[in-house]
Amino acid sequence: MGKCEQCIIKQFNSLKSLTKDELVRISGCKTSKIVKKGEVIFEEGDSLNGVYCIKDGICKLTKLSANGKDQIIKLVVKGELLGQRSIISDERTNLRATALNDMEVCFIPKNEIIKDLEGNNNFSLDVLRGMARELKEADDIIVNMAQKSVRQRLAEVLININESFGTNEDGTLSVLLSREDFASIVGTATESAIRVLSQFKKEGLISTFGKQIKINDLEGLRRIE
């Protein structure tokens, strides 16, 4: 099991603000585990006794809507922390986290995080900054849903996946999402998402290989109105 003070992943989240001694203490009590594709890390409404640091892999955060469908709120990649908001507010989780591919996560007990929040001002400030970024992202999502067309929103999702997660050797997007997932992210019916993706394909903007998608014209996607 790797040591937190030597882990490169800590550079990408609030843990970078901890001292070496604090990281050594956390390293001594954290646990690491492999989460298989499709497995749930935590359910909506769970009481978390700690936070998860994503060492490798990607997961989706979803919210169960009134009509019984899961709405994808965010895709989360390695380096990010899960559950810090629930720990700070001392509330049950508001979202479900599900692995999109095989993941490696480290679990840090709640009492260790609370110690550092109380004793390290830099760490507390970094956590607050992270939560502020998440609020800004949530604001942007609300505005996009209200003001942009399904074509624009779906084009933006493809662009963001390409820029944030990269591609495989064959040029296809490295994140494999179902058509239902795409529909959930942009807030539309699955049939509408399938129809728009088909339009993009006919227009030469993308190519599809089963569920895999390859972007052929990135600038063309940016110009969609």
C-alpha atoms as a PDB file:
ATOM      1  CA  MET A   1       0.000   0.000   0.000  1.00  0.00           C
ATOM      2  CA  GLY A   2       1.432   3.371  -1.053  1.00  0.00           C
ATOM      3  CA  LYS A   3       2.283   6.155   1.369  1.00  0.00           C
ATOM      4  CA  CYS A   4       0.251   9.376   1.204  1.00  0.00           C
ATOM      5  CA  GLU A   5       3.326  11.587   1.611  1.00  0.00           C
ATOM      6  CA  GLN A   6       4.877   9.986  -1.497  1.00  0.00           C
ATOM      7  CA  CYS A   7       1.689   9.789  -3.590  1.00  0.00           C
ATOM      8  CA  ILE A   8       1.582  12.073  -6.636  1.00  0.00           C
ATOM      9  CA  ILE A   9      -2.225  12.111  -6.530  1.00  0.00           C
ATOM     10  CA  LYS A  10      -2.258  14.389  -3.468  1.00  0.00           C
ATOM     11  CA  GLN A  11      -1.011  17.257  -5.673  1.00  0.00           C
ATOM     12  CA  PHE A  12      -4.434  17.397  -7.371  1.00  0.00           C
ATOM     13  CA  ASN A  13      -6.615  17.929  -4.294  1.00  0.00           C
ATOM     14  CA  SER A  14      -6.733  19.563  -0.881  1.00  0.00           C
ATOM     15  CA  LEU A  15      -4.365  16.981   0.622  1.00  0.00           C
ATOM     16  CA  LYS A  16      -1.472  18.948  -0.900  1.00  0.00           C
ATOM     17  CA  SER A  17      -1.917  21.499   1.908  1.00  0.00           C
ATOM     18  CA  LEU A  18      -1.199  18.965   4.644  1.00  0.00           C
ATOM     19  CA  THR A  19       2.205  18.762   6.300  1.00  0.00           C
ATOM     20  CA  LYS A  20       4.397  15.702   5.919  1.00  0.00           C
ATOM     21  CA  ASP A  21       3.618  14.631   9.499  1.00  0.00           C
ATOM     22  CA  GLU A  22      -0.122  14.947   8.842  1.00  0.00           C
ATOM     23  CA  LEU A  23       0.188  12.899   5.663  1.00  0.00           C
ATOM     24  CA  VAL A  24       2.192  10.235   7.486  1.00  0.00           C
ATOM     25  CA  ARG A  25      -0.533  10.038  10.145  1.00  0.00           C
ATOM     26  CA  ILE A  26      -3.262   9.706   7.505  1.00  0.00           C
ATOM     27  CA  SER A  27      -1.233   7.119   5.604  1.00  0.00           C
ATOM     28  CA  GLY A  28      -1.127   4.956   8.710  1.00  0.00           C
ATOM     29  CA  CYS A  29      -4.906   4.708   9.001  1.00  0.00           C
ATOM     30  CA  LYS A  30      -6.199   4.899   5.409  1.00  0.00           C
ATOM     31  CA  THR A  31      -7.327   1.831   3.506  1.00  0.00           C
ATOM     32  CA  SER A  32      -7.065   1.213  -0.239  1.00  0.00           C
ATOM     33  CA  LYS A  33      -9.357  -0.887  -2.379  1.00  0.00           C
ATOM     34  CA  ILE A  34     -10.164  -1.728  -5.985  1.00  0.00           C
ATOM     35  CA  VAL A  35     -13.649  -0.816  -7.203  1.00  0.00           C
ATOM     36  CA  LYS A  36     -14.762  -2.732 -10.298  1.00  0.00           C
ATOM     37  CA  LYS A  37     -16.540  -1.092 -13.235  1.00  0.00           C
ATOM     38  CA  GLY A  38     -20.231  -0.664 -12.402  1.00  0.00           C
ATOM     39  CA  GLU A  39     -19.776  -1.021  -8.638  1.00  0.00           C
ATOM     40  CA  VAL A  40     -21.199   1.631  -6.331  1.00  0.00           C
ATOM     41  CA  ILE A  41     -18.735   3.439  -4.059  1.00  0.00           C
ATOM     42  CA  PHE A  42     -21.512   4.947  -1.967  1.00  0.00           C
ATOM     43  CA  GLU A  43     -25.278   5.290  -2.317  1.00  0.00           C
ATOM     44  CA  GLU A  44     -27.376   8.439  -2.128  1.00  0.00           C
ATOM     45  CA  GLY A  45     -28.418   8.802   1.499  1.00  0.00           C
ATOM     46  CA  ASP A  46     -25.446   6.902   2.965  1.00  0.00           C
ATOM     47  CA  SER A  47     -23.720   8.123   6.123  1.00  0.00           C
ATOM     48  CA  LEU A  48     -20.036   8.424   5.282  1.00  0.00           C
ATOM     49  CA  ASN A  49     -17.397   7.844   7.916  1.00  0.00           C
ATOM     50  CA  GLY A  50     -14.648   9.341   5.819  1.00  0.00           C
ATOM     51  CA  VAL A  51     -13.606  10.630   2.402  1.00  0.00           C
ATOM     52  CA  TYR A  52     -12.433   8.804  -0.704  1.00  0.00           C
ATOM     53  CA  CYS A  53      -9.344   9.870  -2.637  1.00  0.00           C
ATOM     54  CA  ILE A  54      -9.424   8.582  -6.212  1.00  0.00           C
ATOM     55  CA  LYS A  55      -6.019   7.141  -7.047  1.00  0.00           C
ATOM     56  CA  ASP A  56      -7.037   5.823 -10.473  1.00  0.00           C
ATOM     57  CA  GLY A  57     -10.149   5.566 -12.620  1.00  0.00           C
ATOM     58  CA  ILE A  58     -13.329   7.556 -13.236  1.00  0.00           C
ATOM     59  CA  CYS A  59     -16.720   7.545 -11.531  1.00  0.00           C
ATOM     60  CA  LYS A  60     -20.033   9.266 -12.092  1.00  0.00           C
ATOM     61  CA  LEU A  61     -22.001  11.141  -9.442  1.00  0.00           C
ATOM     62  CA  THR A  62     -25.759  10.750  -9.924  1.00  0.00           C
ATOM     63  CA  LYS A  63     -28.939  12.011  -8.296  1.00  0.00           C
ATOM     64  CA  LEU A  64     -32.187  10.047  -8.354  1.00  0.00           C
ATOM     65  CA  SER A  65     -34.882  12.296  -9.803  1.00  0.00           C
ATOM     66  CA  ALA A  66     -38.599  12.308  -9.002  1.00  0.00           C
ATOM     67  CA  ASN A  67     -39.365  10.232 -12.126  1.00  0.00           C
ATOM     68  CA  GLY A  68     -37.061   7.452 -10.956  1.00  0.00           C
ATOM     69  CA  LYS A  69     -34.203   8.181 -13.359  1.00  0.00           C
ATOM     70  CA  ASP A  70     -30.596   8.843 -12.417  1.00  0.00           C
ATOM     71  CA  GLN A  71     -29.358  12.314 -13.405  1.00  0.00           C
ATOM     72  CA  ILE A  72     -25.594  12.468 -13.888  1.00  0.00           C
ATOM     73  CA  ILE A  73     -24.306  15.509 -12.013  1.00  0.00           C
ATOM     74  CA  LYS A  74     -20.575  15.146 -12.602  1.00  0.00           C
ATOM     75  CA  LEU A  75     -17.808  12.861 -13.819  1.00  0.00           C
ATOM     76  CA  VAL A  76     -14.978  12.553 -11.307  1.00  0.00           C
ATOM     77  CA  VAL A  77     -11.414  11.549 -12.168  1.00  0.00           C
ATOM     78  CA  LYS A  78      -8.282  10.457 -10.352  1.00  0.00           C
ATOM     79  CA  GLY A  79      -6.897  13.022  -7.957  1.00  0.00           C
ATOM     80  CA  GLU A  80     -10.269  14.220  -6.713  1.00  0.00           C
ATOM     81  CA  LEU A  81     -11.831  13.684  -3.297  1.00  0.00           C
ATOM     82  CA  LEU A  82     -15.309  12.276  -2.722  1.00  0.00           C
ATOM     83  CA  GLY A  83     -17.426  12.848   0.352  1.00  0.00           C
ATOM     84  CA  GLN A  84     -15.774  15.908   1.894  1.00  0.00           C
ATOM     85  CA  ARG A  85     -18.987  17.943   1.682  1.00  0.00           C
ATOM     86  CA  SER A  86     -20.917  15.311   3.659  1.00  0.00           C
ATOM     87  CA  ILE A  87     -18.166  15.168   6.272  1.00  0.00           C
ATOM     88  CA  ILE A  88     -18.121  18.924   6.798  1.00  0.00           C
ATOM     89  CA  SER A  89     -21.909  19.324   6.878  1.00  0.00           C
ATOM     90  CA  ASP A  90     -22.314  16.094   8.886  1.00  0.00           C
ATOM     91  CA  GLU A  91     -25.154  15.064   6.567  1.00  0.00           C
ATOM     92  CA  ARG A  92     -25.973  11.978   4.564  1.00  0.00           C
ATOM     93  CA  THR A  93     -24.707  11.857   1.002  1.00  0.00           C
ATOM     94  CA  ASN A  94     -26.744  13.720  -1.598  1.00  0.00           C
ATOM     95  CA  LEU A  95     -25.422  11.711  -4.555  1.00  0.00           C
ATOM     96  CA  ARG A  96     -24.489   8.184  -5.605  1.00  0.00           C
ATOM     97  CA  ALA A  97     -20.955   7.426  -6.840  1.00  0.00           C
ATOM     98  CA  THR A  98     -20.576   4.614  -9.405  1.00  0.00           C
ATOM     99  CA  ALA A  99     -17.373   3.423 -11.082  1.00  0.00           C
ATOM    100  CA  LEU A 100     -17.272   3.883 -14.878  1.00  0.00           C
ATOM    101  CA  ASN A 101     -14.163   1.741 -15.121  1.00  0.00           C
ATOM    102  CA  ASP A 102     -11.967  -0.200 -12.710  1.00  0.00           C
ATOM    103  CA  MET A 103     -10.840   2.189  -9.989  1.00  0.00           C
ATOM    104  CA  GLU A 104      -8.417   2.345  -7.104  1.00  0.00           C
ATOM    105  CA  VAL A 105      -9.565   4.478  -4.189  1.00  0.00           C
ATOM    106  CA  CYS A 106      -8.168   5.277  -0.768  1.00  0.00           C
ATOM    107  CA  PHE A 107     -10.523   5.759   2.187  1.00  0.00           C
ATOM    108  CA  ILE A 108      -9.500   8.252   4.880  1.00  0.00           C
ATOM    109  CA  PRO A 109     -11.439   8.059   8.171  1.00  0.00           C
ATOM    110  CA  LYS A 110     -13.615  11.026   9.122  1.00  0.00           C
ATOM    111  CA  ASN A 111     -11.899  11.746  12.446  1.00  0.00           C
ATOM    112  CA  GLU A 112      -8.534  12.166  10.687  1.00  0.00           C
ATOM    113  CA  ILE A 113      -9.964  14.692   8.220  1.00  0.00           C
ATOM    114  CA  ILE A 114     -11.690  16.608  11.043  1.00  0.00           C
ATOM    115  CA  LYS A 115      -8.373  16.815  12.931  1.00  0.00           C
ATOM    116  CA  ASP A 116      -6.728  18.442   9.934  1.00  0.00           C
ATOM    117  CA  LEU A 117      -9.649  20.782   9.257  1.00  0.00           C
ATOM    118  CA  GLU A 118      -9.386  22.009  12.843  1.00  0.00           C
ATOM    119  CA  GLY A 119      -5.594  22.192  12.997  1.00  0.00           C
ATOM    120  CA  ASN A 120      -4.428  23.235   9.517  1.00  0.00           C
ATOM    121  CA  ASN A 121      -5.824  26.522   8.181  1.00  0.00           C
ATOM    122  CA  ASN A 122      -4.300  26.002   4.728  1.00  0.00           C
ATOM    123  CA  PHE A 123      -6.044  22.661   4.395  1.00  0.00           C
ATOM    124  CA  SER A 124      -9.380  24.109   5.547  1.00  0.00           C
ATOM    125  CA  LEU A 125      -9.063  26.955   3.025  1.00  0.00           C
ATOM    126  CA  ASP A 126      -8.227  24.533   0.219  1.00  0.00           C
ATOM    127  CA  VAL A 127     -11.268  22.406   1.018  1.00  0.00           C
ATOM    128  CA  LEU A 128     -13.468  25.527   0.979  1.00  0.00           C
ATOM    129  CA  ARG A 129     -12.004  26.579  -2.375  1.00  0.00           C
ATOM    130  CA  GLY A 130     -12.803  23.161  -3.783  1.00  0.00           C
ATOM    131  CA  MET A 131     -16.391  23.373  -2.594  1.00  0.00           C
ATOM    132  CA  ALA A 132     -16.681  26.881  -4.071  1.00  0.00           C
ATOM    133  CA  ARG A 133     -15.531  25.529  -7.448  1.00  0.00           C
ATOM    134  CA  GLU A 134     -18.160  22.811  -7.254  1.00  0.00           C
ATOM    135  CA  LEU A 135     -20.862  25.418  -6.551  1.00  0.00           C
ATOM    136  CA  LYS A 136     -19.720  27.440  -9.564  1.00  0.00           C
ATOM    137  CA  GLU A 137     -19.874  24.331 -11.750  1.00  0.00           C
ATOM    138  CA  ALA A 138     -23.390  23.631 -10.468  1.00  0.00           C
ATOM    139  CA  ASP A 139     -24.412  27.201 -11.366  1.00  0.00           C
ATOM    140  CA  ASP A 140     -23.026  26.743 -14.880  1.00  0.00           C
ATOM    141  CA  ILE A 141     -24.944  23.482 -15.323  1.00  0.00           C
ATOM    142  CA  ILE A 142     -28.221  25.157 -14.329  1.00  0.00           C
ATOM    143  CA  VAL A 143     -27.644  28.000 -16.811  1.00  0.00           C
ATOM    144  CA  ASN A 144     -26.698  25.585 -19.605  1.00  0.00           C
ATOM    145  CA  MET A 145     -29.808  23.494 -19.042  1.00  0.00           C
ATOM    146  CA  ALA A 146     -32.000  26.592 -19.257  1.00  0.00           C
ATOM    147  CA  GLN A 147     -30.355  28.464 -22.122  1.00  0.00           C
ATOM    148  CA  LYS A 148     -28.652  25.969 -24.444  1.00  0.00           C
ATOM    149  CA  SER A 149     -30.115  23.464 -26.882  1.00  0.00           C
ATOM    150  CA  VAL A 150     -29.621  19.711 -26.594  1.00  0.00           C
ATOM    151  CA  ARG A 151     -27.251  19.922 -29.586  1.00  0.00           C
ATOM    152  CA  GLN A 152     -25.127  22.549 -27.836  1.00  0.00           C
ATOM    153  CA  ARG A 153     -25.111  20.701 -24.522  1.00  0.00           C
ATOM    154  CA  LEU A 154     -24.200  17.372 -26.110  1.00  0.00           C
ATOM    155  CA  ALA A 155     -21.441  18.990 -28.170  1.00  0.00           C
ATOM    156  CA  GLU A 156     -20.032  20.538 -24.973  1.00  0.00           C
ATOM    157  CA  VAL A 157     -20.094  17.172 -23.196  1.00  0.00           C
ATOM    158  CA  LEU A 158     -18.095  15.562 -26.017  1.00  0.00           C
ATOM    159  CA  ILE A 159     -15.600  18.444 -26.014  1.00  0.00           C
ATOM    160  CA  ASN A 160     -15.203  18.323 -22.230  1.00  0.00           C
ATOM    161  CA  ILE A 161     -14.683  14.559 -22.189  1.00  0.00           C
ATOM    162  CA  ASN A 162     -12.067  14.897 -24.929  1.00  0.00           C
ATOM    163  CA  GLU A 163     -10.227  17.701 -23.111  1.00  0.00           C
ATOM    164  CA  SER A 164     -10.536  16.313 -19.574  1.00  0.00           C
ATOM    165  CA  PHE A 165     -10.039  12.591 -20.115  1.00  0.00           C
ATOM    166  CA  GLY A 166      -8.283  12.265 -23.474  1.00  0.00           C
ATOM    167  CA  THR A 167      -8.508   9.525 -26.072  1.00  0.00           C
ATOM    168  CA  ASN A 168      -7.470   5.916 -26.641  1.00  0.00           C
ATOM    169  CA  GLU A 169      -4.742   4.987 -29.112  1.00  0.00           C
ATOM    170  CA  ASP A 170      -7.340   4.646 -31.883  1.00  0.00           C
ATOM    171  CA  GLY A 171      -8.603   8.183 -31.254  1.00  0.00           C
ATOM    172  CA  THR A 172     -11.861   7.186 -29.535  1.00  0.00           C
ATOM    173  CA  LEU A 173     -12.832   8.934 -26.308  1.00  0.00           C
ATOM    174  CA  SER A 174     -11.246   7.201 -23.324  1.00  0.00           C
ATOM    175  CA  VAL A 175     -14.443   7.498 -21.266  1.00  0.00           C
ATOM    176  CA  LEU A 176     -17.018   4.965 -22.421  1.00  0.00           C
ATOM    177  CA  LEU A 177     -20.541   6.219 -21.736  1.00  0.00           C
ATOM    178  CA  SER A 178     -23.836   4.642 -22.689  1.00  0.00           C
ATOM    179  CA  ARG A 179     -26.348   6.631 -24.717  1.00  0.00           C
ATOM    180  CA  GLU A 180     -28.443   6.730 -21.532  1.00  0.00           C
ATOM    181  CA  ASP A 181     -25.493   8.346 -19.722  1.00  0.00           C
ATOM    182  CA  PHE A 182     -25.152  11.019 -22.412  1.00  0.00           C
ATOM    183  CA  ALA A 183     -28.878  11.734 -22.159  1.00  0.00           C
ATOM    184  CA  SER A 184     -28.628  11.968 -18.376  1.00  0.00           C
ATOM    185  CA  ILE A 185     -25.724  14.413 -18.470  1.00  0.00           C
ATOM    186  CA  VAL A 186     -27.466  16.841 -20.834  1.00  0.00           C
ATOM    187  CA  GLY A 187     -30.921  16.378 -19.288  1.00  0.00           C
ATOM    188  CA  THR A 188     -32.844  14.927 -22.209  1.00  0.00           C
ATOM    189  CA  ALA A 189     -34.550  11.703 -23.268  1.00  0.00           C
ATOM    190  CA  THR A 190     -32.343   8.841 -24.448  1.00  0.00           C
ATOM    191  CA  GLU A 191     -34.052   8.935 -27.850  1.00  0.00           C
ATOM    192  CA  SER A 192     -33.135  12.626 -28.240  1.00  0.00           C
ATOM    193  CA  ALA A 193     -29.492  11.983 -27.349  1.00  0.00           C
ATOM    194  CA  ILE A 194     -29.323   9.113 -29.865  1.00  0.00           C
ATOM    195  CA  ARG A 195     -30.892  11.318 -32.542  1.00  0.00           C
ATOM    196  CA  VAL A 196     -28.446  14.188 -31.962  1.00  0.00           C
ATOM    197  CA  LEU A 197     -25.428  11.863 -31.955  1.00  0.00           C
ATOM    198  CA  SER A 198     -26.696  10.442 -35.261  1.00  0.00           C
ATOM    199  CA  GLN A 199     -26.918  13.994 -36.627  1.00  0.00           C
ATOM    200  CA  PHE A 200     -23.350  14.691 -35.515  1.00  0.00           C
ATOM    201  CA  LYS A 201     -22.250  11.517 -37.294  1.00  0.00           C
ATOM    202  CA  LYS A 202     -24.047  12.474 -40.545  1.00  0.00           C
ATOM    203  CA  GLU A 203     -22.471  15.926 -40.362  1.00  0.00           C
ATOM    204  CA  GLY A 204     -18.990  14.373 -40.104  1.00  0.00           C
ATOM    205  CA  LEU A 205     -18.363  15.749 -36.614  1.00  0.00           C
ATOM    206  CA  ILE A 206     -17.942  12.334 -34.999  1.00  0.00           C
ATOM    207  CA  SER A 207     -17.576   8.665 -35.856  1.00  0.00           C
ATOM    208  CA  THR A 208     -19.059   5.839 -33.800  1.00  0.00           C
ATOM    209  CA  PHE A 209     -17.831   2.289 -33.301  1.00  0.00           C
ATOM    210  CA  GLY A 210     -20.476   0.569 -31.170  1.00  0.00           C
ATOM    211  CA  LYS A 211     -20.545   2.615 -27.957  1.00  0.00           C
ATOM    212  CA  GLN A 212     -17.161   4.162 -28.732  1.00  0.00           C
ATOM    213  CA  ILE A 213     -17.089   7.715 -30.116  1.00  0.00           C
ATOM    214  CA  LYS A 214     -14.310   9.461 -32.017  1.00  0.00           C
ATOM    215  CA  ILE A 215     -14.333  13.222 -32.554  1.00  0.00           C
ATOM    216  CA  ASN A 216     -13.461  14.115 -36.144  1.00  0.00           C
ATOM    217  CA  ASP A 217     -14.091  17.867 -36.063  1.00  0.00           C
ATOM    218  CA  LEU A 218     -13.519  19.480 -32.670  1.00  0.00           C
ATOM    219  CA  GLU A 219     -13.890  23.017 -33.996  1.00  0.00           C
ATOM    220  CA  GLY A 220     -17.118  22.029 -35.722  1.00  0.00           C
ATOM    221  CA  LEU A 221     -18.536  20.907 -32.376  1.00  0.00           C
ATOM    222  CA  ARG A 222     -17.491  24.230 -30.833  1.00  0.00           C
ATOM    223  CA  ARG A 223     -19.416  26.139 -33.520  1.00  0.00           C
ATOM    224  CA  ILE A 224     -22.727  24.384 -32.923  1.00  0.00           C
ATOM    225  CA  GLU A 225     -25.557  26.766 -32.055  1.00  0.00           C
END
